[in-house]
Every structure is written in C-alpha cells, then in structure tokens.
Amino acid sequence: MRKYACRFTVQERVAQEVANELERIIEPHGVIVHLRARHSCTQCRGVKEMGALTRTIERRGDYVSNHQLAAEFMSLAGLDH
C-alpha cells in the first residue's frame, strides 16, 4: 500500500493499483480492495468536517459478477452498514 500512496495521487487510483498488483501476484478469481482514508488536503481547503473519512472500494472478477459473494465479503469485513 505504501508503495502506491507515497506519491501524489487520488484514492481511487491507489485502490486500482493495489488490485492490479494482487491480481498479478496471486491470480485470484476476484479481488476487493477497501480503502478508508483521512485526507489532509480537504482540511487545508477549509472543509468543516475535520477528520472526515473517504471510502473507496475496487472490485474485480467474481466480486463484480457475483453480488452475493460481494455482499458476504462486505458483511464479514464489517462494511455492510
């Protein structure tokens, strides 16, 4: 993760790069990458919600085509609310 997040980028691109690397290394049937980040750039621009979190989810393979499988992952990961 640090490999991709250490340079200026957007959260969605980091999620895509991590998913690409997982697919390349382990060749799974599917991948879900969940990122939750606090962005100091929004705080610098005067956004009133200090500490607001942004969530990005990148889905690939079976997690795109099989909604039940994706829902099961989200539930097990505590992301279903």
PDB file of N, CA and C in Angstrom:
ATOM      1  N   MET A   1       0.826  -1.184   0.000  1.00  0.00           N
ATOM      2  CA  MET A   1       0.000   0.000   0.000  1.00  0.00           C
ATOM      3  C   MET A   1       0.872   1.250   0.000  1.00  0.00           C
ATOM      4  N   ARG A   2       1.876   1.309   0.823  1.00  0.00           N
ATOM      5  CA  ARG A   2       2.732   2.493   0.878  1.00  0.00           C
ATOM      6  C   ARG A   2       3.436   2.750  -0.443  1.00  0.00           C
ATOM      7  N   LYS A   3       3.685   1.680  -1.182  1.00  0.00           N
ATOM      8  CA  LYS A   3       4.323   1.806  -2.484  1.00  0.00           C
ATOM      9  C   LYS A   3       3.513   2.734  -3.384  1.00  0.00           C
ATOM     10  N   TYR A   4       2.202   2.689  -3.290  1.00  0.00           N
ATOM     11  CA  TYR A   4       1.340   3.479  -4.156  1.00  0.00           C
ATOM     12  C   TYR A   4       0.894   4.795  -3.529  1.00  0.00           C
ATOM     13  N   ALA A   5       0.819   4.845  -2.222  1.00  0.00           N
ATOM     14  CA  ALA A   5       0.289   6.021  -1.547  1.00  0.00           C
ATOM     15  C   ALA A   5       1.351   7.068  -1.233  1.00  0.00           C
ATOM     16  N   CYS A   6       2.610   6.782  -1.465  1.00  0.00           N
ATOM     17  CA  CYS A   6       3.665   7.727  -1.091  1.00  0.00           C
ATOM     18  C   CYS A   6       3.799   8.892  -2.078  1.00  0.00           C
ATOM     19  N   ARG A   7       3.183   8.789  -3.232  1.00  0.00           N
ATOM     20  CA  ARG A   7       3.268   9.877  -4.208  1.00  0.00           C
ATOM     21  C   ARG A   7       1.901  10.546  -4.325  1.00  0.00           C
ATOM     22  N   PHE A   8       1.876  11.716  -4.944  1.00  0.00           N
ATOM     23  CA  PHE A   8       0.613  12.411  -5.138  1.00  0.00           C
ATOM     24  C   PHE A   8      -0.264  11.618  -6.089  1.00  0.00           C
ATOM     25  N   THR A   9      -1.461  11.322  -5.649  1.00  0.00           N
ATOM     26  CA  THR A   9      -2.400  10.541  -6.454  1.00  0.00           C
ATOM     27  C   THR A   9      -3.784  10.694  -5.863  1.00  0.00           C
ATOM     28  N   VAL A  10      -4.747  10.028  -6.455  1.00  0.00           N
ATOM     29  CA  VAL A  10      -6.098  10.017  -5.898  1.00  0.00           C
ATOM     30  C   VAL A  10      -6.359   8.637  -5.307  1.00  0.00           C
ATOM     31  N   GLN A  11      -7.243   8.599  -4.345  1.00  0.00           N
ATOM     32  CA  GLN A  11      -7.522   7.364  -3.620  1.00  0.00           C
ATOM     33  C   GLN A  11      -8.000   6.257  -4.552  1.00  0.00           C
ATOM     34  N   GLU A  12      -8.805   6.601  -5.544  1.00  0.00           N
ATOM     35  CA  GLU A  12      -9.311   5.594  -6.475  1.00  0.00           C
ATOM     36  C   GLU A  12      -8.169   4.931  -7.253  1.00  0.00           C
ATOM     37  N   ARG A  13      -7.178   5.712  -7.637  1.00  0.00           N
ATOM     38  CA  ARG A  13      -6.042   5.156  -8.371  1.00  0.00           C
ATOM     39  C   ARG A  13      -5.225   4.221  -7.483  1.00  0.00           C
ATOM     40  N   VAL A  14      -5.059   4.565  -6.217  1.00  0.00           N
ATOM     41  CA  VAL A  14      -4.344   3.687  -5.289  1.00  0.00           C
ATOM     42  C   VAL A  14      -5.067   2.349  -5.193  1.00  0.00           C
ATOM     43  N   ALA A  15      -6.385   2.381  -5.065  1.00  0.00           N
ATOM     44  CA  ALA A  15      -7.169   1.136  -4.980  1.00  0.00           C
ATOM     45  C   ALA A  15      -6.999   0.305  -6.249  1.00  0.00           C
ATOM     46  N   GLN A  16      -7.013   0.944  -7.398  1.00  0.00           N
ATOM     47  CA  GLN A  16      -6.834   0.229  -8.665  1.00  0.00           C
ATOM     48  C   GLN A  16      -5.434  -0.388  -8.758  1.00  0.00           C
ATOM     49  N   GLU A  17      -4.428   0.356  -8.346  1.00  0.00           N
ATOM     50  CA  GLU A  17      -3.058  -0.155  -8.415  1.00  0.00           C
ATOM     51  C   GLU A  17      -2.852  -1.339  -7.471  1.00  0.00           C
ATOM     52  N   VAL A  18      -3.431  -1.269  -6.288  1.00  0.00           N
ATOM     53  CA  VAL A  18      -3.326  -2.383  -5.340  1.00  0.00           C
ATOM     54  C   VAL A  18      -4.052  -3.608  -5.901  1.00  0.00           C
ATOM     55  N   ALA A  19      -5.247  -3.406  -6.459  1.00  0.00           N
ATOM     56  CA  ALA A  19      -5.990  -4.517  -7.059  1.00  0.00           C
ATOM     57  C   ALA A  19      -5.206  -5.131  -8.224  1.00  0.00           C
ATOM     58  N   ASN A  20      -4.606  -4.288  -9.057  1.00  0.00           N
ATOM     59  CA  ASN A  20      -3.787  -4.788 -10.173  1.00  0.00           C
ATOM     60  C   ASN A  20      -2.650  -5.659  -9.664  1.00  0.00           C
ATOM     61  N   GLU A  21      -1.985  -5.201  -8.623  1.00  0.00           N
ATOM     62  CA  GLU A  21      -0.837  -5.943  -8.084  1.00  0.00           C
ATOM     63  C   GLU A  21      -1.277  -7.273  -7.476  1.00  0.00           C
ATOM     64  N   LEU A  22      -2.385  -7.283  -6.745  1.00  0.00           N
ATOM     65  CA  LEU A  22      -2.905  -8.536  -6.184  1.00  0.00           C
ATOM     66  C   LEU A  22      -3.260  -9.521  -7.282  1.00  0.00           C
ATOM     67  N   GLU A  23      -3.904  -9.021  -8.334  1.00  0.00           N
ATOM     68  CA  GLU A  23      -4.254  -9.899  -9.451  1.00  0.00           C
ATOM     69  C   GLU A  23      -2.999 -10.466 -10.114  1.00  0.00           C
ATOM     70  N   ARG A  24      -1.992  -9.642 -10.249  1.00  0.00           N
ATOM     71  CA  ARG A  24      -0.755 -10.081 -10.890  1.00  0.00           C
ATOM     72  C   ARG A  24      -0.032 -11.135 -10.056  1.00  0.00           C
ATOM     73  N   ILE A  25       0.021 -10.933  -8.755  1.00  0.00           N
ATOM     74  CA  ILE A  25       0.797 -11.814  -7.884  1.00  0.00           C
ATOM     75  C   ILE A  25       0.094 -13.135  -7.598  1.00  0.00           C
ATOM     76  N   ILE A  26      -1.195 -13.070  -7.223  1.00  0.00           N
ATOM     77  CA  ILE A  26      -1.850 -14.307  -6.760  1.00  0.00           C
ATOM     78  C   ILE A  26      -2.873 -14.878  -7.737  1.00  0.00           C
ATOM     79  N   GLU A  27      -3.172 -14.151  -8.816  1.00  0.00           N
ATOM     80  CA  GLU A  27      -4.106 -14.612  -9.848  1.00  0.00           C
ATOM     81  C   GLU A  27      -5.397 -15.186  -9.255  1.00  0.00           C
ATOM     82  N   PRO A  28      -6.113 -14.405  -8.453  1.00  0.00           N
ATOM     83  CA  PRO A  28      -7.338 -14.888  -7.805  1.00  0.00           C
ATOM     84  C   PRO A  28      -8.532 -14.851  -8.765  1.00  0.00           C
ATOM     85  N   HIS A  29      -9.632 -15.439  -8.323  1.00  0.00           N
ATOM     86  CA  HIS A  29     -10.877 -15.364  -9.091  1.00  0.00           C
ATOM     87  C   HIS A  29     -11.528 -14.001  -8.926  1.00  0.00           C
ATOM     88  N   GLY A  30     -11.162 -13.303  -7.878  1.00  0.00           N
ATOM     89  CA  GLY A  30     -11.707 -11.977  -7.630  1.00  0.00           C
ATOM     90  C   GLY A  30     -10.920 -11.249  -6.562  1.00  0.00           C
ATOM     91  N   VAL A  31     -11.054  -9.932  -6.575  1.00  0.00           N
ATOM     92  CA  VAL A  31     -10.341  -9.074  -5.618  1.00  0.00           C
ATOM     93  C   VAL A  31     -11.273  -7.955  -5.186  1.00  0.00           C
ATOM     94  N   ILE A  32     -11.242  -7.642  -3.902  1.00  0.00           N
ATOM     95  CA  ILE A  32     -11.859  -6.412  -3.400  1.00  0.00           C
ATOM     96  C   ILE A  32     -10.784  -5.676  -2.609  1.00  0.00           C
ATOM     97  N   VAL A  33     -10.618  -4.401  -2.932  1.00  0.00           N
ATOM     98  CA  VAL A  33      -9.710  -3.540  -2.173  1.00  0.00           C
ATOM     99  C   VAL A  33     -10.582  -2.467  -1.539  1.00  0.00           C
ATOM    100  N   HIS A  34     -10.482  -2.334  -0.229  1.00  0.00           N
ATOM    101  CA  HIS A  34     -11.232  -1.315   0.507  1.00  0.00           C
ATOM    102  C   HIS A  34     -10.235  -0.353   1.132  1.00  0.00           C
ATOM    103  N   LEU A  35     -10.369   0.913   0.793  1.00  0.00           N
ATOM    104  CA  LEU A  35      -9.516   1.942   1.378  1.00  0.00           C
ATOM    105  C   LEU A  35     -10.390   2.932   2.130  1.00  0.00           C
ATOM    106  N   ARG A  36      -9.940   3.293   3.302  1.00  0.00           N
ATOM    107  CA  ARG A  36     -10.600   4.330   4.092  1.00  0.00           C
ATOM    108  C   ARG A  36      -9.508   5.296   4.508  1.00  0.00           C
ATOM    109  N   ALA A  37      -9.647   6.545   4.109  1.00  0.00           N
ATOM    110  CA  ALA A  37      -8.551   7.491   4.334  1.00  0.00           C
ATOM    111  C   ALA A  37      -9.080   8.831   4.838  1.00  0.00           C
ATOM    112  N   ARG A  38      -8.235   9.473   5.567  1.00  0.00           N
ATOM    113  CA  ARG A  38      -8.468  10.837   6.037  1.00  0.00           C
ATOM    114  C   ARG A  38      -7.564  11.719   5.189  1.00  0.00           C
ATOM    115  N   HIS A  39      -8.143  12.673   4.512  1.00  0.00           N
ATOM    116  CA  HIS A  39      -7.395  13.491   3.559  1.00  0.00           C
ATOM    117  C   HIS A  39      -7.100  14.871   4.130  1.00  0.00           C
ATOM    118  N   SER A  40      -5.849  15.145   4.335  1.00  0.00           N
ATOM    119  CA  SER A  40      -5.455  16.458   4.859  1.00  0.00           C
ATOM    120  C   SER A  40      -5.697  17.560   3.834  1.00  0.00           C
ATOM    121  N   CYS A  41      -5.723  17.217   2.539  1.00  0.00           N
ATOM    122  CA  CYS A  41      -5.944  18.231   1.510  1.00  0.00           C
ATOM    123  C   CYS A  41      -7.314  18.881   1.667  1.00  0.00           C
ATOM    124  N   THR A  42      -8.327  18.124   2.075  1.00  0.00           N
ATOM    125  CA  THR A  42      -9.647  18.708   2.273  1.00  0.00           C
ATOM    126  C   THR A  42      -9.652  19.626   3.496  1.00  0.00           C
ATOM    127  N   GLN A  43      -8.914  19.242   4.512  1.00  0.00           N
ATOM    128  CA  GLN A  43      -8.839  20.075   5.707  1.00  0.00           C
ATOM    129  C   GLN A  43      -8.120  21.387   5.392  1.00  0.00           C
ATOM    130  N   CYS A  44      -7.105  21.342   4.543  1.00  0.00           N
ATOM    131  CA  CYS A  44      -6.359  22.546   4.160  1.00  0.00           C
ATOM    132  C   CYS A  44      -7.229  23.509   3.374  1.00  0.00           C
ATOM    133  N   ARG A  45      -8.207  22.989   2.647  1.00  0.00           N
ATOM    134  CA  ARG A  45      -9.094  23.846   1.839  1.00  0.00           C
ATOM    135  C   ARG A  45     -10.253  24.386   2.663  1.00  0.00           C
ATOM    136  N   GLY A  46     -10.305  24.060   3.945  1.00  0.00           N
ATOM    137  CA  GLY A  46     -11.325  24.634   4.807  1.00  0.00           C
ATOM    138  C   GLY A  46     -12.588  23.824   4.961  1.00  0.00           C
ATOM    139  N   VAL A  47     -12.557  22.558   4.597  1.00  0.00           N
ATOM    140  CA  VAL A  47     -13.732  21.717   4.803  1.00  0.00           C
ATOM    141  C   VAL A  47     -14.022  21.664   6.297  1.00  0.00           C
ATOM    142  N   LYS A  48     -15.271  21.860   6.650  1.00  0.00           N
ATOM    143  CA  LYS A  48     -15.652  21.980   8.062  1.00  0.00           C
ATOM    144  C   LYS A  48     -15.558  20.685   8.842  1.00  0.00           C
ATOM    145  N   GLU A  49     -15.708  19.554   8.190  1.00  0.00           N
ATOM    146  CA  GLU A  49     -15.683  18.273   8.880  1.00  0.00           C
ATOM    147  C   GLU A  49     -14.252  17.786   9.056  1.00  0.00           C
ATOM    148  N   MET A  50     -13.643  18.159  10.139  1.00  0.00           N
ATOM    149  CA  MET A  50     -12.287  17.713  10.428  1.00  0.00           C
ATOM    150  C   MET A  50     -12.295  16.220  10.686  1.00  0.00           C
ATOM    151  N   GLY A  51     -11.374  15.505  10.082  1.00  0.00           N
ATOM    152  CA  GLY A  51     -11.273  14.073  10.298  1.00  0.00           C
ATOM    153  C   GLY A  51     -12.246  13.243   9.489  1.00  0.00           C
ATOM    154  N   ALA A  52     -12.934  13.854   8.520  1.00  0.00           N
ATOM    155  CA  ALA A  52     -13.877  13.095   7.691  1.00  0.00           C
ATOM    156  C   ALA A  52     -13.131  12.022   6.905  1.00  0.00           C
ATOM    157  N   LEU A  53     -13.736  10.855   6.804  1.00  0.00           N
ATOM    158  CA  LEU A  53     -13.123   9.736   6.104  1.00  0.00           C
ATOM    159  C   LEU A  53     -13.754   9.562   4.730  1.00  0.00           C
ATOM    160  N   THR A  54     -12.935   9.155   3.780  1.00  0.00           N
ATOM    161  CA  THR A  54     -13.402   8.836   2.436  1.00  0.00           C
ATOM    162  C   THR A  54     -13.166   7.355   2.202  1.00  0.00           C
ATOM    163  N   ARG A  55     -14.175   6.675   1.662  1.00  0.00           N
ATOM    164  CA  ARG A  55     -14.075   5.240   1.436  1.00  0.00           C
ATOM    165  C   ARG A  55     -14.106   4.956  -0.062  1.00  0.00           C
ATOM    166  N   THR A  56     -13.197   4.092  -0.493  1.00  0.00           N
ATOM    167  CA  THR A  56     -13.131   3.658  -1.883  1.00  0.00           C
ATOM    168  C   THR A  56     -13.098   2.142  -1.905  1.00  0.00           C
ATOM    169  N   ILE A  57     -13.896   1.557  -2.788  1.00  0.00           N
ATOM    170  CA  ILE A  57     -13.910   0.097  -2.939  1.00  0.00           C
ATOM    171  C   ILE A  57     -13.696  -0.226  -4.416  1.00  0.00           C
ATOM    172  N   GLU A  58     -12.698  -1.035  -4.689  1.00  0.00           N
ATOM    173  CA  GLU A  58     -12.399  -1.506  -6.042  1.00  0.00           C
ATOM    174  C   GLU A  58     -12.709  -2.992  -6.090  1.00  0.00           C
ATOM    175  N   ARG A  59     -13.575  -3.398  -7.007  1.00  0.00           N
ATOM    176  CA  ARG A  59     -13.984  -4.805  -7.137  1.00  0.00           C
ATOM    177  C   ARG A  59     -13.544  -5.336  -8.489  1.00  0.00           C
ATOM    178  N   ARG A  60     -13.120  -6.584  -8.470  1.00  0.00           N
ATOM    179  CA  ARG A  60     -12.696  -7.248  -9.705  1.00  0.00           C
ATOM    180  C   ARG A  60     -13.220  -8.673  -9.736  1.00  0.00           C
ATOM    181  N   GLY A  61     -13.300  -9.235 -10.929  1.00  0.00           N
ATOM    182  CA  GLY A  61     -13.614 -10.653 -11.109  1.00  0.00           C
ATOM    183  C   GLY A  61     -14.936 -11.065 -10.500  1.00  0.00           C
ATOM    184  N   ASP A  62     -14.902 -12.159  -9.727  1.00  0.00           N
ATOM    185  CA  ASP A  62     -16.114 -12.722  -9.139  1.00  0.00           C
ATOM    186  C   ASP A  62     -16.842 -11.743  -8.232  1.00  0.00           C
ATOM    187  N   TYR A  63     -16.147 -10.772  -7.668  1.00  0.00           N
ATOM    188  CA  TYR A  63     -16.796  -9.807  -6.784  1.00  0.00           C
ATOM    189  C   TYR A  63     -17.622  -8.786  -7.564  1.00  0.00           C
ATOM    190  N   VAL A  64     -17.424  -8.723  -8.870  1.00  0.00           N
ATOM    191  CA  VAL A  64     -18.256  -7.878  -9.723  1.00  0.00           C
ATOM    192  C   VAL A  64     -19.459  -8.669 -10.214  1.00  0.00           C
ATOM    193  N   SER A  65     -19.228  -9.892 -10.654  1.00  0.00           N
ATOM    194  CA  SER A  65     -20.292 -10.690 -11.264  1.00  0.00           C
ATOM    195  C   SER A  65     -21.175 -11.411 -10.251  1.00  0.00           C
ATOM    196  N   ASN A  66     -20.684 -11.671  -9.050  1.00  0.00           N
ATOM    197  CA  ASN A  66     -21.445 -12.412  -8.049  1.00  0.00           C
ATOM    198  C   ASN A  66     -21.761 -11.480  -6.870  1.00  0.00           C
ATOM    199  N   HIS A  67     -22.948 -10.897  -6.915  1.00  0.00           N
ATOM    200  CA  HIS A  67     -23.331  -9.917  -5.892  1.00  0.00           C
ATOM    201  C   HIS A  67     -23.452 -10.531  -4.498  1.00  0.00           C
ATOM    202  N   GLN A  68     -23.847 -11.795  -4.421  1.00  0.00           N
ATOM    203  CA  GLN A  68     -23.947 -12.473  -3.124  1.00  0.00           C
ATOM    204  C   GLN A  68     -22.554 -12.629  -2.499  1.00  0.00           C
ATOM    205  N   LEU A  69     -21.569 -12.970  -3.311  1.00  0.00           N
ATOM    206  CA  LEU A  69     -20.196 -13.103  -2.828  1.00  0.00           C
ATOM    207  C   LEU A  69     -19.668 -11.760  -2.328  1.00  0.00           C
ATOM    208  N   ALA A  70     -19.941 -10.699  -3.084  1.00  0.00           N
ATOM    209  CA  ALA A  70     -19.512  -9.362  -2.669  1.00  0.00           C
ATOM    210  C   ALA A  70     -20.199  -8.949  -1.369  1.00  0.00           C
ATOM    211  N   ALA A  71     -21.487  -9.231  -1.240  1.00  0.00           N
ATOM    212  CA  ALA A  71     -22.230  -8.892  -0.021  1.00  0.00           C
ATOM    213  C   ALA A  71     -21.686  -9.660   1.180  1.00  0.00           C
ATOM    214  N   GLU A  72     -21.313 -10.919   0.961  1.00  0.00           N
ATOM    215  CA  GLU A  72     -20.740 -11.721   2.043  1.00  0.00           C
ATOM    216  C   GLU A  72     -19.410 -11.125   2.505  1.00  0.00           C
ATOM    217  N   PHE A  73     -18.567 -10.730   1.560  1.00  0.00           N
ATOM    218  CA  PHE A  73     -17.304 -10.083   1.919  1.00  0.00           C
ATOM    219  C   PHE A  73     -17.559  -8.812   2.716  1.00  0.00           C
ATOM    220  N   MET A  74     -18.462  -7.968   2.214  1.00  0.00           N
ATOM    221  CA  MET A  74     -18.741  -6.696   2.876  1.00  0.00           C
ATOM    222  C   MET A  74     -19.245  -6.931   4.299  1.00  0.00           C
ATOM    223  N   SER A  75     -20.088  -7.945   4.478  1.00  0.00           N
ATOM    224  CA  SER A  75     -20.599  -8.268   5.814  1.00  0.00           C
ATOM    225  C   SER A  75     -19.484  -8.745   6.742  1.00  0.00           C
ATOM    226  N   LEU A  76     -18.676  -9.677   6.251  1.00  0.00           N
ATOM    227  CA  LEU A  76     -17.570 -10.209   7.069  1.00  0.00           C
ATOM    228  C   LEU A  76     -16.553  -9.117   7.423  1.00  0.00           C
ATOM    229  N   ALA A  77     -16.373  -8.172   6.526  1.00  0.00           N
ATOM    230  CA  ALA A  77     -15.420  -7.086   6.764  1.00  0.00           C
ATOM    231  C   ALA A  77     -16.028  -5.950   7.580  1.00  0.00           C
ATOM    232  N   GLY A  78     -17.310  -6.070   7.916  1.00  0.00           N
ATOM    233  CA  GLY A  78     -17.981  -5.014   8.694  1.00  0.00           C
ATOM    234  C   GLY A  78     -18.256  -3.767   7.882  1.00  0.00           C
ATOM    235  N   LEU A  79     -18.434  -3.926   6.574  1.00  0.00           N
ATOM    236  CA  LEU A  79     -18.642  -2.789   5.682  1.00  0.00           C
ATOM    237  C   LEU A  79     -20.058  -2.703   5.142  1.00  0.00           C
ATOM    238  N   ASP A  80     -20.970  -3.468   5.706  1.00  0.00           N
ATOM    239  CA  ASP A  80     -22.323  -3.544   5.164  1.00  0.00           C
ATOM    240  C   ASP A  80     -23.292  -2.522   5.742  1.00  0.00           C
ATOM    241  N   HIS A  81     -22.795  -1.585   6.473  1.00  0.00           N
ATOM    242  CA  HIS A  81     -23.723  -0.584   7.030  1.00  0.00           C
ATOM    243  C   HIS A  81     -23.470   0.759   6.448  1.00  0.00           C
TER     244      HIS A  81
END
